[in-house]
Amino acid sequence: MERHAADAWISDGNFAAATFDIRLPRADLIVWLDRPRWLCRWRAIRRALGGDAHHRLQDLGDVLGFIGGFDRINRPRIEAERLKHGPAVPVARLETERATAAFLADPGVFSPASSVL
């Protein structure tokens, strides 16, 4: 929490209910990696089968369930917290690998008038 009091910071993950009240009032931009569910599922399967120590095969069903219900359950919760704590903070929705690469190469490519890259 105290790291978000610094002049500059990047925060990974959402944890909307737990920390948006601290982070969003001080945020300049929200970057949302908004990938298709099929791609998220594929990547989760690949990580679980690849022997990644943080992604265990026995948890794959729960992870796939989370991904499957994300748009119905988690996205509305996150959006509600975003609107509650940082409605004026611009949101960059990066929907493709190309958009993500362009943003990382030049964050100025994002224009608040067009929230999807």
N, C-alpha and C. Protein backbone atom coordinates (compact mmCIF):
# COMPACT_ATOMS: atom_id res chain seq x y z
N MET A 1 0.80 -1.19 0.00
CA MET A 1 0.00 0.00 0.00
C MET A 1 0.86 1.27 0.00
N GLU A 2 1.93 1.26 0.80
CA GLU A 2 2.77 2.45 0.89
C GLU A 2 3.48 2.74 -0.42
N ARG A 3 3.68 1.71 -1.25
CA ARG A 3 4.33 1.95 -2.55
C ARG A 3 3.45 2.82 -3.45
N HIS A 4 2.15 2.72 -3.28
CA HIS A 4 1.25 3.55 -4.08
C HIS A 4 1.24 5.00 -3.63
N ALA A 5 1.92 5.30 -2.54
CA ALA A 5 2.04 6.68 -2.08
C ALA A 5 3.22 7.39 -2.75
N ALA A 6 4.06 6.63 -3.44
CA ALA A 6 5.21 7.21 -4.12
C ALA A 6 4.76 8.07 -5.30
N ASP A 7 5.70 8.85 -5.84
CA ASP A 7 5.37 9.71 -6.97
C ASP A 7 5.06 8.93 -8.25
N ALA A 8 5.74 7.81 -8.44
CA ALA A 8 5.54 7.01 -9.65
C ALA A 8 5.49 5.54 -9.27
N TRP A 9 4.57 4.80 -9.88
CA TRP A 9 4.43 3.38 -9.60
C TRP A 9 3.62 2.71 -10.70
N ILE A 10 3.81 1.42 -10.80
CA ILE A 10 3.02 0.57 -11.69
C ILE A 10 2.50 -0.55 -10.82
N SER A 11 1.22 -0.85 -10.96
CA SER A 11 0.60 -1.89 -10.14
C SER A 11 -0.01 -2.94 -11.05
N ASP A 12 0.31 -4.19 -10.81
CA ASP A 12 -0.14 -5.31 -11.62
C ASP A 12 -1.30 -6.01 -10.92
N GLY A 13 -2.28 -6.45 -11.70
CA GLY A 13 -3.41 -7.17 -11.13
C GLY A 13 -4.55 -6.23 -10.83
N ASN A 14 -5.69 -6.78 -10.46
CA ASN A 14 -6.79 -5.87 -10.20
C ASN A 14 -7.06 -5.69 -8.71
N PHE A 15 -7.33 -6.73 -7.96
CA PHE A 15 -7.63 -6.63 -6.53
C PHE A 15 -8.52 -5.42 -6.26
N ALA A 16 -9.52 -5.27 -7.11
CA ALA A 16 -10.36 -4.07 -7.11
C ALA A 16 -10.95 -3.75 -5.75
N ALA A 17 -11.59 -4.70 -5.13
CA ALA A 17 -12.25 -4.42 -3.86
C ALA A 17 -11.26 -4.10 -2.76
N ALA A 18 -10.06 -4.64 -2.86
CA ALA A 18 -9.08 -4.46 -1.79
C ALA A 18 -8.27 -3.18 -1.91
N THR A 19 -7.96 -2.74 -3.14
CA THR A 19 -7.00 -1.64 -3.25
C THR A 19 -7.37 -0.53 -4.23
N PHE A 20 -8.45 -0.63 -4.95
CA PHE A 20 -8.77 0.45 -5.89
C PHE A 20 -8.98 1.78 -5.18
N ASP A 21 -9.47 1.76 -3.97
CA ASP A 21 -9.68 3.01 -3.24
C ASP A 21 -8.37 3.73 -2.98
N ILE A 22 -7.28 3.00 -2.91
CA ILE A 22 -5.96 3.58 -2.69
C ILE A 22 -5.30 3.96 -4.01
N ARG A 23 -5.40 3.06 -4.99
CA ARG A 23 -4.68 3.23 -6.24
C ARG A 23 -5.33 4.21 -7.21
N LEU A 24 -6.62 4.07 -7.44
CA LEU A 24 -7.23 4.83 -8.53
C LEU A 24 -7.25 6.34 -8.34
N PRO A 25 -7.45 6.86 -7.15
CA PRO A 25 -7.42 8.32 -7.03
C PRO A 25 -6.07 8.93 -7.43
N ARG A 26 -5.01 8.14 -7.40
CA ARG A 26 -3.67 8.64 -7.74
C ARG A 26 -3.19 8.16 -9.11
N ALA A 27 -4.01 7.38 -9.81
CA ALA A 27 -3.58 6.80 -11.09
C ALA A 27 -3.71 7.80 -12.23
N ASP A 28 -2.78 7.68 -13.18
CA ASP A 28 -2.83 8.48 -14.41
C ASP A 28 -3.52 7.73 -15.53
N LEU A 29 -3.45 6.40 -15.46
CA LEU A 29 -3.96 5.57 -16.54
C LEU A 29 -4.19 4.15 -16.03
N ILE A 30 -5.26 3.54 -16.48
CA ILE A 30 -5.51 2.12 -16.24
C ILE A 30 -5.25 1.40 -17.55
N VAL A 31 -4.42 0.38 -17.52
CA VAL A 31 -4.14 -0.42 -18.72
C VAL A 31 -4.79 -1.77 -18.52
N TRP A 32 -5.72 -2.10 -19.39
CA TRP A 32 -6.47 -3.35 -19.29
C TRP A 32 -6.06 -4.23 -20.47
N LEU A 33 -5.41 -5.34 -20.17
CA LEU A 33 -5.09 -6.32 -21.22
C LEU A 33 -6.36 -7.14 -21.43
N ASP A 34 -7.04 -6.86 -22.50
CA ASP A 34 -8.37 -7.40 -22.74
C ASP A 34 -8.32 -8.42 -23.88
N ARG A 35 -7.95 -9.64 -23.51
CA ARG A 35 -7.77 -10.69 -24.50
C ARG A 35 -9.01 -11.59 -24.59
N PRO A 36 -9.20 -12.24 -25.73
CA PRO A 36 -10.34 -13.15 -25.86
C PRO A 36 -10.23 -14.31 -24.87
N ARG A 37 -11.36 -14.78 -24.40
CA ARG A 37 -11.37 -15.88 -23.42
C ARG A 37 -10.68 -17.12 -23.95
N TRP A 38 -10.84 -17.43 -25.23
CA TRP A 38 -10.20 -18.64 -25.78
C TRP A 38 -8.68 -18.55 -25.64
N LEU A 39 -8.14 -17.35 -25.85
CA LEU A 39 -6.69 -17.18 -25.73
C LEU A 39 -6.25 -17.30 -24.28
N CYS A 40 -7.02 -16.75 -23.37
CA CYS A 40 -6.69 -16.87 -21.94
C CYS A 40 -6.73 -18.34 -21.51
N ARG A 41 -7.73 -19.07 -21.99
CA ARG A 41 -7.82 -20.50 -21.66
C ARG A 41 -6.60 -21.26 -22.21
N TRP A 42 -6.27 -21.00 -23.47
CA TRP A 42 -5.14 -21.67 -24.10
C TRP A 42 -3.85 -21.41 -23.32
N ARG A 43 -3.63 -20.16 -22.94
CA ARG A 43 -2.42 -19.82 -22.21
C ARG A 43 -2.39 -20.46 -20.83
N ALA A 44 -3.54 -20.56 -20.18
CA ALA A 44 -3.60 -21.21 -18.86
C ALA A 44 -3.27 -22.70 -18.99
N ILE A 45 -3.82 -23.34 -20.01
CA ILE A 45 -3.55 -24.76 -20.24
C ILE A 45 -2.07 -24.97 -20.53
N ARG A 46 -1.53 -24.12 -21.39
CA ARG A 46 -0.11 -24.24 -21.75
C ARG A 46 0.79 -24.07 -20.53
N ARG A 47 0.47 -23.11 -19.66
CA ARG A 47 1.28 -22.92 -18.45
C ARG A 47 1.17 -24.12 -17.53
N ALA A 48 -0.04 -24.64 -17.35
CA ALA A 48 -0.23 -25.78 -16.44
C ALA A 48 0.47 -27.03 -16.95
N LEU A 49 0.41 -27.25 -18.25
CA LEU A 49 1.05 -28.43 -18.84
C LEU A 49 2.56 -28.25 -18.99
N GLY A 50 3.01 -27.00 -18.97
CA GLY A 50 4.43 -26.72 -19.17
C GLY A 50 5.28 -26.87 -17.92
N GLY A 51 4.67 -27.22 -16.81
CA GLY A 51 5.44 -27.44 -15.59
C GLY A 51 5.81 -26.18 -14.84
N ASP A 52 5.13 -25.08 -15.13
CA ASP A 52 5.36 -23.83 -14.41
C ASP A 52 5.01 -24.04 -12.94
N ALA A 53 5.91 -23.73 -12.05
CA ALA A 53 5.71 -23.97 -10.62
C ALA A 53 4.53 -23.19 -10.05
N HIS A 54 4.15 -22.08 -10.68
CA HIS A 54 3.04 -21.26 -10.18
C HIS A 54 1.70 -21.67 -10.78
N HIS A 55 1.69 -22.59 -11.73
CA HIS A 55 0.46 -23.00 -12.40
C HIS A 55 0.39 -24.52 -12.38
N ARG A 56 -0.36 -25.04 -11.43
CA ARG A 56 -0.41 -26.49 -11.24
C ARG A 56 -1.58 -27.10 -12.01
N LEU A 57 -1.34 -28.27 -12.54
CA LEU A 57 -2.34 -28.97 -13.33
C LEU A 57 -3.62 -29.22 -12.52
N GLN A 58 -3.49 -29.52 -11.24
CA GLN A 58 -4.67 -29.80 -10.42
C GLN A 58 -5.55 -28.57 -10.21
N ASP A 59 -5.02 -27.38 -10.45
CA ASP A 59 -5.80 -26.15 -10.32
C ASP A 59 -6.42 -25.69 -11.64
N LEU A 60 -6.13 -26.41 -12.71
CA LEU A 60 -6.55 -25.97 -14.04
C LEU A 60 -8.06 -25.82 -14.16
N GLY A 61 -8.83 -26.72 -13.58
CA GLY A 61 -10.30 -26.61 -13.65
C GLY A 61 -10.80 -25.32 -13.03
N ASP A 62 -10.25 -24.97 -11.88
CA ASP A 62 -10.65 -23.72 -11.21
C ASP A 62 -10.25 -22.51 -12.05
N VAL A 63 -9.07 -22.56 -12.62
CA VAL A 63 -8.58 -21.44 -13.43
C VAL A 63 -9.46 -21.28 -14.67
N LEU A 64 -9.77 -22.38 -15.33
CA LEU A 64 -10.62 -22.31 -16.52
C LEU A 64 -12.02 -21.82 -16.16
N GLY A 65 -12.53 -22.21 -15.01
CA GLY A 65 -13.83 -21.71 -14.54
C GLY A 65 -13.79 -20.21 -14.29
N PHE A 66 -12.70 -19.74 -13.68
CA PHE A 66 -12.54 -18.30 -13.44
C PHE A 66 -12.52 -17.54 -14.76
N ILE A 67 -11.76 -18.04 -15.71
CA ILE A 67 -11.68 -17.39 -17.02
C ILE A 67 -13.05 -17.40 -17.70
N GLY A 68 -13.74 -18.53 -17.64
CA GLY A 68 -15.05 -18.64 -18.28
C GLY A 68 -16.08 -17.70 -17.70
N GLY A 69 -16.02 -17.45 -16.41
CA GLY A 69 -16.99 -16.57 -15.77
C GLY A 69 -16.53 -15.13 -15.61
N PHE A 70 -15.36 -14.81 -16.12
CA PHE A 70 -14.78 -13.49 -15.88
C PHE A 70 -15.69 -12.36 -16.36
N ASP A 71 -16.15 -12.44 -17.61
CA ASP A 71 -16.96 -11.35 -18.15
C ASP A 71 -18.30 -11.20 -17.42
N ARG A 72 -18.81 -12.28 -16.90
CA ARG A 72 -20.11 -12.27 -16.22
C ARG A 72 -19.98 -11.89 -14.75
N ILE A 73 -18.90 -12.30 -14.10
CA ILE A 73 -18.76 -12.12 -12.66
C ILE A 73 -17.76 -11.02 -12.30
N ASN A 74 -16.53 -11.17 -12.73
CA ASN A 74 -15.45 -10.28 -12.28
C ASN A 74 -15.41 -8.94 -13.00
N ARG A 75 -15.62 -8.94 -14.30
CA ARG A 75 -15.56 -7.67 -15.04
C ARG A 75 -16.55 -6.65 -14.49
N PRO A 76 -17.80 -7.02 -14.22
CA PRO A 76 -18.73 -6.03 -13.65
C PRO A 76 -18.29 -5.53 -12.27
N ARG A 77 -17.72 -6.39 -11.46
CA ARG A 77 -17.23 -5.97 -10.14
C ARG A 77 -16.08 -4.98 -10.27
N ILE A 78 -15.14 -5.31 -11.14
CA ILE A 78 -13.98 -4.44 -11.36
C ILE A 78 -14.44 -3.10 -11.90
N GLU A 79 -15.33 -3.13 -12.86
CA GLU A 79 -15.83 -1.88 -13.46
C GLU A 79 -16.56 -1.03 -12.43
N ALA A 80 -17.35 -1.65 -11.57
CA ALA A 80 -18.05 -0.90 -10.52
C ALA A 80 -17.05 -0.22 -9.58
N GLU A 81 -16.00 -0.93 -9.20
CA GLU A 81 -14.98 -0.35 -8.32
C GLU A 81 -14.21 0.76 -9.04
N ARG A 82 -13.96 0.56 -10.34
CA ARG A 82 -13.27 1.60 -11.11
C ARG A 82 -14.11 2.87 -11.16
N LEU A 83 -15.39 2.73 -11.42
CA LEU A 83 -16.27 3.90 -11.48
C LEU A 83 -16.43 4.57 -10.12
N LYS A 84 -16.37 3.79 -9.07
CA LYS A 84 -16.51 4.32 -7.71
C LYS A 84 -15.27 5.11 -7.29
N HIS A 85 -14.09 4.62 -7.63
CA HIS A 85 -12.85 5.20 -7.10
C HIS A 85 -12.03 5.99 -8.12
N GLY A 86 -12.31 5.83 -9.40
CA GLY A 86 -11.50 6.53 -10.40
C GLY A 86 -12.22 6.73 -11.72
N PRO A 87 -13.43 7.30 -11.67
CA PRO A 87 -14.20 7.41 -12.91
C PRO A 87 -13.55 8.28 -13.98
N ALA A 88 -12.69 9.20 -13.60
CA ALA A 88 -12.06 10.08 -14.58
C ALA A 88 -10.72 9.56 -15.09
N VAL A 89 -10.24 8.45 -14.52
CA VAL A 89 -8.96 7.90 -14.95
C VAL A 89 -9.14 7.24 -16.32
N PRO A 90 -8.36 7.65 -17.32
CA PRO A 90 -8.49 7.04 -18.64
C PRO A 90 -8.14 5.55 -18.60
N VAL A 91 -8.77 4.79 -19.48
CA VAL A 91 -8.55 3.34 -19.57
C VAL A 91 -8.06 3.00 -20.97
N ALA A 92 -6.89 2.37 -21.04
CA ALA A 92 -6.38 1.86 -22.31
C ALA A 92 -6.70 0.37 -22.35
N ARG A 93 -7.56 -0.02 -23.25
CA ARG A 93 -7.90 -1.45 -23.40
C ARG A 93 -7.09 -2.00 -24.57
N LEU A 94 -6.12 -2.82 -24.22
CA LEU A 94 -5.22 -3.39 -25.22
C LEU A 94 -5.77 -4.76 -25.60
N GLU A 95 -6.31 -4.84 -26.79
CA GLU A 95 -7.03 -6.05 -27.20
C GLU A 95 -6.21 -7.00 -28.06
N THR A 96 -5.04 -6.58 -28.50
CA THR A 96 -4.22 -7.44 -29.36
C THR A 96 -2.76 -7.36 -28.93
N GLU A 97 -1.98 -8.32 -29.39
CA GLU A 97 -0.54 -8.29 -29.13
C GLU A 97 0.08 -7.06 -29.79
N ARG A 98 -0.39 -6.73 -30.97
CA ARG A 98 0.14 -5.57 -31.69
C ARG A 98 -0.12 -4.29 -30.89
N ALA A 99 -1.32 -4.14 -30.34
CA ALA A 99 -1.65 -2.96 -29.54
C ALA A 99 -0.78 -2.89 -28.29
N THR A 100 -0.55 -4.04 -27.66
CA THR A 100 0.29 -4.07 -26.46
C THR A 100 1.72 -3.68 -26.81
N ALA A 101 2.26 -4.22 -27.90
CA ALA A 101 3.61 -3.88 -28.32
C ALA A 101 3.72 -2.40 -28.65
N ALA A 102 2.72 -1.84 -29.32
CA ALA A 102 2.74 -0.42 -29.67
C ALA A 102 2.71 0.44 -28.40
N PHE A 103 1.89 0.04 -27.45
CA PHE A 103 1.78 0.79 -26.20
C PHE A 103 3.09 0.73 -25.42
N LEU A 104 3.70 -0.44 -25.34
CA LEU A 104 4.96 -0.58 -24.61
C LEU A 104 6.09 0.19 -25.29
N ALA A 105 6.06 0.23 -26.61
CA ALA A 105 7.09 0.97 -27.34
C ALA A 105 6.92 2.47 -27.17
N ASP A 106 5.68 2.92 -27.07
CA ASP A 106 5.40 4.35 -26.95
C ASP A 106 4.06 4.54 -26.25
N PRO A 107 4.07 4.66 -24.91
CA PRO A 107 2.81 4.84 -24.18
C PRO A 107 2.02 6.06 -24.64
N GLY A 108 2.67 7.00 -25.29
CA GLY A 108 1.98 8.17 -25.81
C GLY A 108 1.05 7.84 -26.96
N VAL A 109 1.14 6.61 -27.49
CA VAL A 109 0.26 6.19 -28.59
C VAL A 109 -1.19 6.11 -28.12
N PHE A 110 -1.39 6.00 -26.80
CA PHE A 110 -2.73 5.93 -26.24
C PHE A 110 -3.35 7.32 -26.22
N SER A 111 -4.56 7.40 -26.69
CA SER A 111 -5.31 8.65 -26.64
C SER A 111 -6.57 8.41 -25.82
N PRO A 112 -6.77 9.16 -24.72
CA PRO A 112 -7.96 8.96 -23.91
C PRO A 112 -9.27 9.06 -24.70
N ALA A 113 -9.26 9.76 -25.83
CA ALA A 113 -10.48 9.87 -26.63
C ALA A 113 -10.86 8.54 -27.26
N SER A 114 -9.88 7.66 -27.45
CA SER A 114 -10.11 6.35 -28.04
C SER A 114 -9.57 5.30 -27.08
N SER A 115 -10.44 4.69 -26.30
CA SER A 115 -9.97 3.84 -25.20
C SER A 115 -9.49 2.47 -25.65
N VAL A 116 -9.75 2.09 -26.88
CA VAL A 116 -9.32 0.76 -27.33
C VAL A 116 -8.19 0.93 -28.33
N LEU A 117 -7.11 0.21 -28.09
CA LEU A 117 -5.98 0.24 -29.03
C LEU A 117 -5.95 -1.06 -29.80
